[in-house]
Amino acid sequence: MWSTPSGAKSSSAIYSLIQTALENGLKPLEYLTHVFTQIQRNEEVPIQSLLPWAEEMPTHCKLPQDVATEK
């Protein structure tokens, strides 16, 4: 996957999503699963509701408070 420029670009996009989720106190796997499920169920889902800092993010996507504040 990293042996081509497009593979490197794809990898960096995924890494960026994961790091942004972590920086916003989310569990990356649960967050990405939520986003992809919402997109699959509703093509017109507001993009703002899928951003890692969205207030309406489900609690199962969030890291426990003590883990989220450790840095």
C-alpha atoms as a PDB file:
ATOM      1  CA  MET A   1       0.000   0.000   0.000  1.00  0.00           C
ATOM      2  CA  TRP A   2       2.899   2.418   0.667  1.00  0.00           C
ATOM      3  CA  SER A   3       4.931   1.479  -2.396  1.00  0.00           C
ATOM      4  CA  THR A   4       3.182   4.007  -4.633  1.00  0.00           C
ATOM      5  CA  PRO A   5       2.462   7.718  -4.278  1.00  0.00           C
ATOM      6  CA  SER A   6      -1.293   7.081  -4.244  1.00  0.00           C
ATOM      7  CA  GLY A   7      -0.852   4.410  -1.574  1.00  0.00           C
ATOM      8  CA  ALA A   8       1.156   6.812   0.555  1.00  0.00           C
ATOM      9  CA  LYS A   9      -1.506   9.487   0.098  1.00  0.00           C
ATOM     10  CA  SER A  10      -4.262   7.060   1.142  1.00  0.00           C
ATOM     11  CA  SER A  11      -2.266   5.932   4.159  1.00  0.00           C
ATOM     12  CA  SER A  12      -1.638   9.495   5.278  1.00  0.00           C
ATOM     13  CA  ALA A  13      -5.353  10.329   4.973  1.00  0.00           C
ATOM     14  CA  ILE A  14      -6.304   7.366   7.178  1.00  0.00           C
ATOM     15  CA  TYR A  15      -3.565   8.198   9.686  1.00  0.00           C
ATOM     16  CA  SER A  16      -4.815  11.778   9.804  1.00  0.00           C
ATOM     17  CA  LEU A  17      -8.394  10.632  10.515  1.00  0.00           C
ATOM     18  CA  ILE A  18      -7.197   8.363  13.313  1.00  0.00           C
ATOM     19  CA  GLN A  19      -5.016  11.037  14.920  1.00  0.00           C
ATOM     20  CA  THR A  20      -7.781  13.647  14.679  1.00  0.00           C
ATOM     21  CA  ALA A  21     -10.202  11.253  16.357  1.00  0.00           C
ATOM     22  CA  LEU A  22      -7.715  10.634  19.173  1.00  0.00           C
ATOM     23  CA  GLU A  23      -7.044  14.360  19.611  1.00  0.00           C
ATOM     24  CA  ASN A  24     -10.787  14.884  20.007  1.00  0.00           C
ATOM     25  CA  GLY A  25     -11.123  12.180  22.661  1.00  0.00           C
ATOM     26  CA  LEU A  26     -12.631   9.503  20.425  1.00  0.00           C
ATOM     27  CA  LYS A  27     -11.972   5.804  19.951  1.00  0.00           C
ATOM     28  CA  PRO A  28     -10.768   5.670  16.325  1.00  0.00           C
ATOM     29  CA  LEU A  29     -12.386   2.350  15.369  1.00  0.00           C
ATOM     30  CA  GLU A  30     -15.748   3.229  16.899  1.00  0.00           C
ATOM     31  CA  TYR A  31     -15.628   6.712  15.386  1.00  0.00           C
ATOM     32  CA  LEU A  32     -14.841   5.486  11.861  1.00  0.00           C
ATOM     33  CA  THR A  33     -17.451   2.732  12.145  1.00  0.00           C
ATOM     34  CA  HIS A  34     -20.031   5.334  13.187  1.00  0.00           C
ATOM     35  CA  VAL A  35     -19.118   7.648  10.296  1.00  0.00           C
ATOM     36  CA  PHE A  36     -19.215   4.926   7.644  1.00  0.00           C
ATOM     37  CA  THR A  37     -22.474   3.502   9.019  1.00  0.00           C
ATOM     38  CA  GLN A  38     -24.138   6.915   8.980  1.00  0.00           C
ATOM     39  CA  ILE A  39     -22.992   7.578   5.422  1.00  0.00           C
ATOM     40  CA  GLN A  40     -24.241   4.173   4.300  1.00  0.00           C
ATOM     41  CA  ARG A  41     -27.649   4.639   5.946  1.00  0.00           C
ATOM     42  CA  ASN A  42     -28.220   8.236   4.893  1.00  0.00           C
ATOM     43  CA  GLU A  43     -26.518   9.816   1.902  1.00  0.00           C
ATOM     44  CA  GLU A  44     -27.714  13.251   3.023  1.00  0.00           C
ATOM     45  CA  VAL A  45     -26.305  13.143   6.553  1.00  0.00           C
ATOM     46  CA  PRO A  46     -24.978  16.592   7.510  1.00  0.00           C
ATOM     47  CA  ILE A  47     -21.188  16.457   7.320  1.00  0.00           C
ATOM     48  CA  GLN A  48     -20.940  18.621  10.464  1.00  0.00           C
ATOM     49  CA  SER A  49     -22.520  15.824  12.508  1.00  0.00           C
ATOM     50  CA  LEU A  50     -19.736  13.440  11.444  1.00  0.00           C
ATOM     51  CA  LEU A  51     -16.786  15.626  12.356  1.00  0.00           C
ATOM     52  CA  PRO A  52     -14.775  14.388  15.365  1.00  0.00           C
ATOM     53  CA  TRP A  53     -15.626  17.480  17.408  1.00  0.00           C
ATOM     54  CA  ALA A  54     -19.384  17.280  16.764  1.00  0.00           C
ATOM     55  CA  GLU A  55     -21.384  17.659  19.962  1.00  0.00           C
ATOM     56  CA  GLU A  56     -23.844  14.955  18.870  1.00  0.00           C
ATOM     57  CA  MET A  57     -21.130  12.274  18.671  1.00  0.00           C
ATOM     58  CA  PRO A  58     -22.454   9.094  20.360  1.00  0.00           C
ATOM     59  CA  THR A  59     -20.951   8.269  23.743  1.00  0.00           C
ATOM     60  CA  HIS A  60     -19.785   4.829  22.583  1.00  0.00           C
ATOM     61  CA  CYS A  61     -17.328   6.646  20.282  1.00  0.00           C
ATOM     62  CA  LYS A  62     -15.796   8.664  23.111  1.00  0.00           C
ATOM     63  CA  LEU A  63     -12.784   7.665  25.161  1.00  0.00           C
ATOM     64  CA  PRO A  64     -13.247   7.515  28.925  1.00  0.00           C
ATOM     65  CA  GLN A  65     -12.570  10.975  30.411  1.00  0.00           C
ATOM     66  CA  ASP A  66      -9.400   9.896  32.242  1.00  0.00           C
ATOM     67  CA  VAL A  67      -7.877   8.456  29.039  1.00  0.00           C
ATOM     68  CA  ALA A  68      -8.961  11.396  26.874  1.00  0.00           C
ATOM     69  CA  THR A  69      -7.252  13.940  29.135  1.00  0.00           C
ATOM     70  CA  GLU A  70      -3.891  12.084  29.389  1.00  0.00           C
ATOM     71  CA  LYS A  71      -1.373  13.647  27.038  1.00  0.00           C
END
